[in-house]
Amino acid sequence: MTTDSAQGHLPKSPKSLRVTLWVLLIVYIFNFLDRQIVNILAEPISKDLGLKDWQIGMMAGIAFAAFYTFLGIPIAKFADRSTTNRVGLISGSLIIWSAMTGLCGVAQNFVQMLLSRIGVGVGEAGCTPAAHSLISDLAPPEKRASAISFYSLGIPIGSLLGMVLGGMIADNFGWRVAFFVAGLPGIVMALIVWLVLKDPRMSGVVAERKVVQELSTRAALREILGSRAFVYLAIAGASAAFLGYGKATWTTIFFQRTHALSPGEVGFWFGIGGGVAGIIGTWAGGWFADNFGKDNRRHVLTAPAIGMTLAIPLAIAAYWVENWWVALLLIMLPSLFNSLYVGPTYSCAQGLVPIRARAMASAVMLFAQNLIGLGLGPLFFGILSDIVKPVAGDDSVRWVLYGAALLGLVPAFFFWRASLRLNAELDRKT
């Protein structure tokens, strides 16, 4: 067991935390822009390269997620070492995934696109575990959910920009140019990260700390999975991501096939509406967690459990109505409610494990969310769409999305189960 002076609560500076959060937010915006832009480009890519729906799901999901998740564990172990410069790790990762995003724009067939997407996953595996660990070193426990929620705003902002810019560029210049525009600025941002941020481990004060024994991968995983709250949380996060990523990919295709909108129109309207809703929901999730969870830790996860439940009837209504304007307006509320879980989930993951296993905890959570969620969600929904297409025709995607909405009860249940354990387990380990 380590002590605060030895390993955990590094000297904190509000200014240092603010600068770190803003820079990492921009990095995470690039992360999700490059990850999610393929959703709005999927239909024109499919037509150009002659892809089937299952290939779209594979390109958008499992090609990225498999390498992202499996590499995340050893990279997180490296990030948890006291001698690792997490800023350098994040900067180098940003260069890799930005370059591979650009390469997506030169793919001539399914295999080449698949390999490029794998490269994006390899690069992005080094970002979030190191970023969560860095933020948790600088933010006090009572502000951790808000800090990680602020960083997590990169998810809706990056997705919004990917949808809007990707759709507009695809309409005017083609989908290949959209990948070039998305990827190249990240290489410049990597240099800014290296010059502006400093890992507190590398400071003179931290260097004088008592050296503590590093946790082995097996020991870290034993600590993480020994928390029942963490296990419930991982199941909740994985099922929420499965539905979220699956719906994100196929809702954009739904508006193009069912409502006959162009990629640019869907990217703009769905990107703006869903992005704004996601920004509000992600911020509100952290605010609710910090403010209502102060006295009763159980309420850190109350908003995600309730939000997932409330989203179900609203999502079904959005997929049912025939007017695309009404559908877009309705889909904003489920997007908001489904975003409440992000900050509370990752802040709990940091507080349920020893300090020496924080990056590993994020990697395990990302493993569950991305392999099951991003990897299998779009692919599973694509396979279902192909199965029901002979009966439903172009409405096959609508049928699949009805089922996805109803499955929102699964993450709601497990967020509630995890919340029952928080008073006993949260922030009890150092």
Protein backbone atom coordinates (compact mmCIF):
# COMPACT_ATOMS: atom_id res chain seq x y z
CA MET A 1 0.00 0.00 0.00
CA THR A 2 1.39 3.37 -0.99
CA THR A 3 1.00 6.64 0.87
CA ASP A 4 -0.02 10.09 -0.36
CA SER A 5 3.48 11.45 0.09
CA ALA A 6 4.98 8.51 -1.71
CA GLN A 7 2.91 8.22 -4.80
CA GLY A 8 -0.49 9.77 -4.97
CA HIS A 9 -1.48 13.32 -4.28
CA LEU A 10 1.12 15.30 -6.14
CA PRO A 11 1.46 19.03 -5.48
CA LYS A 12 -1.56 20.66 -7.09
CA SER A 13 -1.77 24.03 -8.82
CA PRO A 14 -5.17 25.31 -10.01
CA LYS A 15 -3.47 27.07 -12.92
CA SER A 16 -1.55 23.93 -13.86
CA LEU A 17 -4.77 21.91 -13.74
CA ARG A 18 -6.64 24.42 -15.92
CA VAL A 19 -3.89 24.51 -18.55
CA THR A 20 -3.62 20.73 -18.56
CA LEU A 21 -7.38 20.30 -18.91
CA TRP A 22 -7.67 22.75 -21.82
CA VAL A 23 -4.77 21.24 -23.75
CA LEU A 24 -5.95 17.68 -23.15
CA LEU A 25 -9.49 18.69 -24.15
CA ILE A 26 -8.18 19.83 -27.55
CA VAL A 27 -6.24 16.56 -27.90
CA TYR A 28 -9.37 14.56 -27.11
CA ILE A 29 -11.36 16.60 -29.64
CA PHE A 30 -8.86 15.51 -32.30
CA ASN A 31 -9.09 11.97 -30.90
CA PHE A 32 -12.83 11.70 -31.42
CA LEU A 33 -12.93 13.74 -34.61
CA ASP A 34 -10.49 11.29 -36.23
CA ARG A 35 -12.25 8.29 -34.69
CA GLN A 36 -15.83 9.23 -35.55
CA ILE A 37 -15.55 11.07 -38.87
CA VAL A 38 -15.86 7.68 -40.59
CA ASN A 39 -19.54 7.56 -39.47
CA ILE A 40 -20.66 10.46 -41.64
CA LEU A 41 -18.42 9.32 -44.48
CA ALA A 42 -19.58 5.68 -44.32
CA GLU A 43 -22.30 5.94 -46.97
CA PRO A 44 -20.18 7.68 -49.67
CA ILE A 45 -17.25 5.35 -48.88
CA SER A 46 -19.60 2.38 -49.20
CA LYS A 47 -20.84 3.52 -52.61
CA ASP A 48 -17.35 4.35 -53.86
CA LEU A 49 -15.67 1.13 -52.67
CA GLY A 50 -18.71 -1.15 -53.06
CA LEU A 51 -19.02 -2.18 -49.40
CA LYS A 52 -21.75 -4.25 -47.75
CA ASP A 53 -23.37 -3.14 -44.47
CA TRP A 54 -21.31 -5.60 -42.40
CA GLN A 55 -18.14 -4.16 -43.95
CA ILE A 56 -19.25 -0.65 -42.96
CA GLY A 57 -19.72 -1.91 -39.41
CA MET A 58 -16.32 -3.56 -39.44
CA MET A 59 -14.59 -0.47 -40.84
CA ALA A 60 -16.31 1.86 -38.37
CA GLY A 61 -15.94 -0.43 -35.38
CA ILE A 62 -13.91 -3.57 -34.91
CA ALA A 63 -10.95 -2.56 -37.13
CA PHE A 64 -10.30 0.38 -34.83
CA ALA A 65 -11.47 -1.09 -31.55
CA ALA A 66 -9.60 -4.40 -31.52
CA PHE A 67 -6.15 -2.84 -31.66
CA TYR A 68 -7.17 0.16 -29.57
CA THR A 69 -8.35 -2.01 -26.70
CA PHE A 70 -5.73 -4.77 -26.70
CA LEU A 71 -2.83 -2.32 -26.94
CA GLY A 72 -4.42 -0.15 -24.26
CA ILE A 73 -3.52 -2.56 -21.43
CA PRO A 74 0.29 -2.72 -21.95
CA ILE A 75 0.42 1.00 -22.80
CA ALA A 76 -1.48 1.79 -19.59
CA LYS A 77 0.96 -0.36 -17.62
CA PHE A 78 3.75 1.71 -19.15
CA ALA A 79 1.89 4.95 -18.28
CA ASP A 80 1.50 3.85 -14.64
CA ARG A 81 5.29 3.54 -14.20
CA SER A 82 6.66 6.40 -12.11
CA THR A 83 9.43 7.01 -14.66
CA THR A 84 7.10 7.40 -17.67
CA ASN A 85 6.56 10.87 -19.11
CA ARG A 86 2.83 10.77 -19.84
CA VAL A 87 2.98 14.02 -21.83
CA GLY A 88 5.48 12.48 -24.25
CA LEU A 89 3.31 9.39 -24.54
CA ILE A 90 0.23 11.45 -25.43
CA SER A 91 2.15 13.61 -27.91
CA GLY A 92 3.66 10.63 -29.74
CA SER A 93 0.29 8.86 -29.87
CA LEU A 94 -1.32 11.95 -31.41
CA ILE A 95 1.23 11.98 -34.24
CA ILE A 96 0.54 8.32 -35.07
CA TRP A 97 -3.25 8.45 -35.16
CA SER A 98 -3.33 11.76 -37.07
CA ALA A 99 -1.04 10.39 -39.79
CA MET A 100 -3.11 7.21 -40.10
CA THR A 101 -6.32 9.25 -40.40
CA GLY A 102 -4.78 11.01 -43.38
CA LEU A 103 -3.91 7.65 -44.92
CA CYS A 104 -7.60 6.65 -44.82
CA GLY A 105 -8.07 9.20 -47.57
CA VAL A 106 -5.89 7.27 -50.04
CA ALA A 107 -7.47 3.83 -49.47
CA GLN A 108 -8.51 2.16 -52.74
CA ASN A 109 -10.33 -0.87 -51.33
CA PHE A 110 -11.80 -2.40 -48.18
CA VAL A 111 -8.53 -3.98 -47.00
CA GLN A 112 -6.57 -0.74 -47.29
CA MET A 113 -9.27 1.18 -45.41
CA LEU A 114 -9.31 -1.53 -42.74
CA LEU A 115 -5.53 -1.30 -42.25
CA SER A 116 -5.65 2.50 -42.03
CA ARG A 117 -8.37 2.34 -39.40
CA ILE A 118 -6.29 -0.19 -37.46
CA GLY A 119 -3.47 2.37 -37.49
CA VAL A 120 -5.78 5.01 -36.03
CA GLY A 121 -6.65 2.59 -33.23
CA VAL A 122 -2.99 1.84 -32.52
CA GLY A 123 -2.22 5.55 -32.11
CA GLU A 124 -5.25 6.43 -30.02
CA ALA A 125 -4.54 3.60 -27.54
CA GLY A 126 -1.88 5.79 -25.89
CA CYS A 127 -4.06 8.81 -25.15
CA THR A 128 -6.88 8.45 -22.62
CA PRO A 129 -5.36 6.15 -19.94
CA ALA A 130 -2.36 8.50 -19.64
CA ALA A 131 -4.63 11.57 -19.73
CA HIS A 132 -6.94 10.24 -16.99
CA SER A 133 -3.94 9.39 -14.81
CA LEU A 134 -2.46 12.86 -15.35
CA ILE A 135 -5.74 14.61 -14.51
CA SER A 136 -6.30 12.48 -11.41
CA ASP A 137 -2.85 13.44 -10.11
CA LEU A 138 -3.71 17.13 -10.41
CA ALA A 139 -7.41 17.23 -9.44
CA PRO A 140 -8.58 16.68 -5.83
CA PRO A 141 -10.99 13.74 -5.37
CA GLU A 142 -14.01 15.99 -4.76
CA LYS A 143 -13.46 17.68 -8.15
CA ARG A 144 -12.35 14.62 -10.10
CA ALA A 145 -15.69 13.92 -11.80
CA SER A 146 -15.95 17.51 -13.06
CA ALA A 147 -12.33 17.49 -14.26
CA ILE A 148 -12.70 14.23 -16.16
CA SER A 149 -16.08 15.38 -17.51
CA PHE A 150 -14.39 18.53 -18.84
CA TYR A 151 -11.78 16.40 -20.60
CA SER A 152 -14.56 14.12 -21.84
CA LEU A 153 -16.24 17.06 -23.59
CA GLY A 154 -13.84 16.08 -26.35
CA ILE A 155 -16.23 13.22 -27.16
CA PRO A 156 -19.27 15.31 -28.19
CA ILE A 157 -17.22 18.24 -29.54
CA GLY A 158 -14.99 15.96 -31.62
CA SER A 159 -17.97 13.97 -32.83
CA LEU A 160 -19.81 17.20 -33.70
CA LEU A 161 -16.87 18.54 -35.70
CA GLY A 162 -16.38 15.19 -37.38
CA MET A 163 -20.02 15.11 -38.45
CA VAL A 164 -20.29 18.75 -39.56
CA LEU A 165 -16.90 19.21 -41.20
CA GLY A 166 -16.79 15.68 -42.57
CA GLY A 167 -20.22 15.99 -44.16
CA MET A 168 -19.61 19.46 -45.60
CA ILE A 169 -16.20 18.55 -47.03
CA ALA A 170 -17.53 15.26 -48.42
CA ASP A 171 -20.40 17.06 -50.19
CA ASN A 172 -18.10 19.67 -51.75
CA PHE A 173 -14.73 17.96 -52.21
CA GLY A 174 -15.25 14.24 -51.61
CA TRP A 175 -14.74 11.91 -48.66
CA ARG A 176 -10.99 11.50 -49.27
CA VAL A 177 -10.31 15.21 -48.70
CA ALA A 178 -12.30 15.02 -45.45
CA PHE A 179 -9.81 12.51 -44.04
CA PHE A 180 -6.84 14.70 -45.03
CA VAL A 181 -8.34 17.78 -43.36
CA ALA A 182 -9.15 15.79 -40.20
CA GLY A 183 -5.73 14.17 -39.82
CA LEU A 184 -3.05 16.73 -40.62
CA PRO A 185 -3.72 19.40 -37.91
CA GLY A 186 -3.18 16.78 -35.19
CA ILE A 187 0.51 16.55 -36.05
CA VAL A 188 0.92 20.26 -35.27
CA MET A 189 -1.07 19.84 -32.04
CA ALA A 190 1.31 17.08 -30.93
CA LEU A 191 4.17 19.60 -30.90
CA ILE A 192 2.09 22.04 -28.84
CA VAL A 193 1.33 19.31 -26.29
CA TRP A 194 5.03 18.53 -25.91
CA LEU A 195 5.99 22.21 -25.48
CA VAL A 196 3.15 23.34 -23.18
CA LEU A 197 2.39 20.46 -20.80
CA LYS A 198 4.65 19.06 -18.11
CA ASP A 199 4.16 15.76 -16.34
CA PRO A 200 4.28 16.47 -12.57
CA ARG A 201 6.23 13.23 -12.13
CA MET A 202 9.12 14.86 -13.92
CA SER A 203 9.34 17.87 -11.57
CA GLY A 204 12.09 18.17 -8.98
CA VAL A 205 9.62 17.89 -6.11
CA VAL A 206 8.15 14.66 -7.37
CA ALA A 207 11.56 13.23 -8.15
CA GLU A 208 12.39 13.37 -4.44
CA ARG A 209 9.46 11.15 -3.46
CA LYS A 210 10.04 7.84 -1.82
CA VAL A 211 10.36 5.18 -4.51
CA VAL A 212 7.55 2.64 -4.26
CA GLN A 213 7.18 -0.80 -5.71
CA GLU A 214 5.40 -0.82 -9.06
CA LEU A 215 2.35 -3.04 -9.42
CA SER A 216 2.70 -5.87 -11.91
CA THR A 217 0.03 -6.16 -14.59
CA ARG A 218 -1.47 -9.16 -12.80
CA ALA A 219 -1.47 -7.39 -9.43
CA ALA A 220 -3.03 -4.25 -10.92
CA LEU A 221 -5.78 -6.26 -12.62
CA ARG A 222 -6.39 -8.18 -9.39
CA GLU A 223 -6.90 -4.89 -7.52
CA ILE A 224 -9.17 -3.50 -10.25
CA LEU A 225 -11.35 -6.56 -10.72
CA GLY A 226 -11.49 -7.14 -6.96
CA SER A 227 -13.85 -4.16 -6.75
CA ARG A 228 -17.41 -5.31 -7.28
CA ALA A 229 -18.46 -1.72 -7.99
CA PHE A 230 -15.83 -1.53 -10.76
CA VAL A 231 -17.10 -4.76 -12.35
CA TYR A 232 -20.70 -3.49 -12.38
CA LEU A 233 -19.45 -0.15 -13.71
CA ALA A 234 -17.50 -1.84 -16.50
CA ILE A 235 -20.58 -3.82 -17.57
CA ALA A 236 -22.69 -0.66 -17.51
CA GLY A 237 -20.11 1.33 -19.47
CA ALA A 238 -19.60 -1.44 -22.02
CA SER A 239 -23.30 -1.86 -22.70
CA ALA A 240 -23.82 1.92 -22.87
CA ALA A 241 -20.96 2.20 -25.37
CA PHE A 242 -22.26 -0.77 -27.39
CA LEU A 243 -25.55 1.01 -27.86
CA GLY A 244 -24.06 4.49 -28.19
CA TYR A 245 -21.50 3.68 -30.88
CA GLY A 246 -23.91 1.41 -32.73
CA LYS A 247 -26.63 4.05 -32.78
CA ALA A 248 -24.19 6.83 -33.73
CA THR A 249 -23.10 4.99 -36.88
CA TRP A 250 -26.51 3.79 -37.97
CA THR A 251 -28.53 6.86 -37.03
CA THR A 252 -26.51 8.89 -39.53
CA ILE A 253 -27.16 6.21 -42.17
CA PHE A 254 -30.84 6.11 -41.10
CA PHE A 255 -31.28 9.81 -41.90
CA GLN A 256 -29.64 9.34 -45.29
CA ARG A 257 -31.61 6.22 -46.29
CA THR A 258 -34.98 6.87 -44.66
CA HIS A 259 -35.18 10.68 -44.86
CA ALA A 260 -33.10 11.06 -48.07
CA LEU A 261 -30.68 13.63 -46.62
CA SER A 262 -27.17 14.09 -48.00
CA PRO A 263 -24.07 13.39 -45.86
CA GLY A 264 -23.55 17.15 -45.53
CA GLU A 265 -27.11 17.75 -44.35
CA VAL A 266 -26.99 14.92 -41.84
CA GLY A 267 -23.53 15.96 -40.69
CA PHE A 268 -24.60 19.53 -40.11
CA TRP A 269 -27.98 19.07 -38.46
CA PHE A 270 -27.40 15.80 -36.63
CA GLY A 271 -23.85 16.86 -35.77
CA ILE A 272 -24.93 20.19 -34.30
CA GLY A 273 -27.97 18.81 -32.48
CA GLY A 274 -26.32 15.69 -31.14
CA GLY A 275 -23.09 17.52 -30.39
CA VAL A 276 -24.71 20.27 -28.35
CA ALA A 277 -26.82 17.71 -26.48
CA GLY A 278 -23.72 15.61 -25.80
CA ILE A 279 -21.77 18.62 -24.53
CA ILE A 280 -24.55 19.56 -22.12
CA GLY A 281 -25.02 15.97 -20.97
CA THR A 282 -21.31 15.31 -20.45
CA TRP A 283 -20.84 18.51 -18.44
CA ALA A 284 -24.05 17.95 -16.44
CA GLY A 285 -23.04 14.37 -15.58
CA GLY A 286 -19.88 15.61 -13.87
CA TRP A 287 -21.72 18.44 -12.13
CA PHE A 288 -24.41 16.10 -10.77
CA ALA A 289 -21.79 13.60 -9.62
CA ASP A 290 -19.70 16.15 -7.70
CA ASN A 291 -22.61 18.05 -6.19
CA PHE A 292 -25.02 15.25 -5.29
CA GLY A 293 -22.33 12.69 -4.54
CA LYS A 294 -20.55 14.75 -1.87
CA ASP A 295 -22.61 13.50 1.07
CA ASN A 296 -23.88 10.23 -0.37
CA ARG A 297 -21.40 8.69 -2.80
CA ARG A 298 -24.15 6.51 -4.25
CA HIS A 299 -25.53 9.54 -6.10
CA VAL A 300 -22.38 9.86 -8.22
CA LEU A 301 -24.10 7.34 -10.54
CA THR A 302 -27.75 8.30 -10.01
CA ALA A 303 -27.96 10.60 -13.03
CA PRO A 304 -26.56 8.00 -15.50
CA ALA A 305 -29.03 5.35 -14.28
CA ILE A 306 -32.03 7.67 -14.58
CA GLY A 307 -30.83 9.23 -17.84
CA MET A 308 -30.45 5.90 -19.63
CA THR A 309 -34.02 4.99 -18.67
CA LEU A 310 -35.57 8.30 -19.74
CA ALA A 311 -33.83 8.11 -23.12
CA ILE A 312 -35.67 4.95 -24.24
CA PRO A 313 -39.17 6.27 -25.16
CA LEU A 314 -37.72 9.46 -26.63
CA ALA A 315 -35.37 7.53 -28.93
CA ILE A 316 -38.17 5.23 -30.13
CA ALA A 317 -40.32 8.29 -30.93
CA ALA A 318 -37.44 9.86 -32.87
CA TYR A 319 -37.02 6.79 -35.08
CA TRP A 320 -40.79 6.44 -35.58
CA VAL A 321 -41.79 9.93 -36.80
CA GLU A 322 -41.72 10.63 -40.54
CA ASN A 323 -40.74 14.30 -40.40
CA TRP A 324 -36.94 14.52 -40.25
CA TRP A 325 -36.97 17.86 -38.44
CA VAL A 326 -39.08 16.42 -35.64
CA ALA A 327 -36.86 13.33 -35.57
CA LEU A 328 -33.73 15.44 -35.19
CA LEU A 329 -35.26 17.50 -32.38
CA LEU A 330 -36.43 14.37 -30.56
CA ILE A 331 -33.05 12.63 -30.87
CA MET A 332 -31.33 15.47 -28.99
CA LEU A 333 -32.87 14.54 -25.62
CA PRO A 334 -31.75 10.88 -25.67
CA SER A 335 -28.31 12.11 -26.75
CA LEU A 336 -28.21 14.38 -23.69
CA PHE A 337 -29.45 11.72 -21.26
CA ASN A 338 -27.11 9.07 -22.65
CA SER A 339 -24.10 11.38 -22.18
CA LEU A 340 -24.57 11.78 -18.43
CA TYR A 341 -22.54 8.67 -17.66
CA VAL A 342 -19.13 9.60 -19.14
CA GLY A 343 -17.53 11.72 -16.40
CA PRO A 344 -19.00 9.81 -13.43
CA THR A 345 -17.94 6.45 -14.93
CA TYR A 346 -14.28 7.36 -15.42
CA SER A 347 -14.01 9.33 -12.18
CA CYS A 348 -15.35 6.30 -10.29
CA ALA A 349 -12.89 4.07 -12.13
CA GLN A 350 -10.06 6.26 -10.82
CA GLY A 351 -11.43 6.27 -7.26
CA LEU A 352 -12.07 2.53 -6.97
CA VAL A 353 -8.44 1.47 -7.48
CA PRO A 354 -5.02 2.14 -5.92
CA ILE A 355 -3.24 5.21 -7.27
CA ARG A 356 -0.58 3.04 -8.93
CA ALA A 357 -3.29 1.38 -11.06
CA ARG A 358 -5.14 4.46 -12.31
CA ALA A 359 -4.03 4.36 -15.94
CA MET A 360 -4.64 0.60 -15.94
CA ALA A 361 -8.17 1.18 -14.58
CA SER A 362 -8.91 3.55 -17.45
CA ALA A 363 -7.46 1.05 -19.92
CA VAL A 364 -9.65 -1.76 -18.55
CA MET A 365 -12.73 0.48 -18.78
CA LEU A 366 -11.76 1.53 -22.30
CA PHE A 367 -11.15 -2.13 -23.18
CA ALA A 368 -14.69 -3.01 -22.13
CA GLN A 369 -16.29 0.02 -23.74
CA ASN A 370 -14.40 0.02 -27.01
CA LEU A 371 -13.99 -3.69 -27.77
CA ILE A 372 -17.63 -4.42 -26.91
CA GLY A 373 -19.03 -0.98 -27.71
CA LEU A 374 -17.15 0.51 -30.63
CA GLY A 375 -15.89 -2.84 -31.89
CA LEU A 376 -19.12 -4.81 -31.86
CA GLY A 377 -21.90 -2.19 -31.77
CA PRO A 378 -21.69 -0.88 -35.37
CA LEU A 379 -20.82 -4.36 -36.69
CA PHE A 380 -23.68 -6.08 -34.82
CA PHE A 381 -26.23 -3.52 -35.97
CA GLY A 382 -24.91 -3.79 -39.54
CA ILE A 383 -25.31 -7.58 -39.49
CA LEU A 384 -28.86 -7.23 -38.12
CA SER A 385 -29.66 -4.69 -40.83
CA ASP A 386 -28.51 -7.13 -43.52
CA ILE A 387 -30.60 -9.92 -41.92
CA VAL A 388 -33.87 -7.96 -41.81
CA LYS A 389 -33.36 -6.08 -45.10
CA PRO A 390 -35.14 -8.73 -47.24
CA VAL A 391 -38.27 -8.12 -45.14
CA ALA A 392 -37.94 -4.45 -44.16
CA GLY A 393 -36.12 -3.00 -47.17
CA ASP A 394 -34.65 0.45 -46.47
CA ASP A 395 -36.51 0.44 -43.14
CA SER A 396 -34.15 -2.28 -41.86
CA VAL A 397 -32.04 0.33 -40.06
CA ARG A 398 -35.14 1.78 -38.39
CA TRP A 399 -36.08 -1.65 -37.03
CA VAL A 400 -32.58 -2.19 -35.67
CA LEU A 401 -32.61 1.21 -33.96
CA TYR A 402 -35.92 0.41 -32.22
CA GLY A 403 -34.27 -2.61 -30.61
CA ALA A 404 -31.18 -0.59 -29.68
CA ALA A 405 -33.33 1.96 -27.86
CA LEU A 406 -35.09 -0.72 -25.78
CA LEU A 407 -31.76 -2.24 -24.73
CA GLY A 408 -30.99 0.99 -22.85
CA LEU A 409 -32.46 -0.73 -19.78
CA VAL A 410 -29.31 -2.88 -19.52
CA PRO A 411 -26.79 -0.10 -18.73
CA ALA A 412 -29.38 1.67 -16.55
CA PHE A 413 -29.67 -1.44 -14.38
CA PHE A 414 -25.91 -1.91 -13.95
CA PHE A 415 -25.27 1.77 -13.19
CA TRP A 416 -27.84 1.40 -10.39
CA ARG A 417 -26.15 -1.80 -9.14
CA ALA A 418 -22.74 -0.13 -9.14
CA SER A 419 -24.10 2.89 -7.24
CA LEU A 420 -25.11 0.66 -4.32
CA ARG A 421 -21.42 -0.19 -3.71
CA LEU A 422 -19.92 3.31 -3.91
CA ASN A 423 -20.26 4.32 -0.24
CA ALA A 424 -18.28 1.22 0.74
CA GLU A 425 -15.64 1.31 -2.01
CA LEU A 426 -15.12 4.75 -3.58
CA ASP A 427 -11.88 6.56 -2.62
CA ARG A 428 -11.05 3.91 0.00
CA LYS A 429 -7.72 2.90 -1.59
CA THR A 430 -4.52 4.88 -1.87
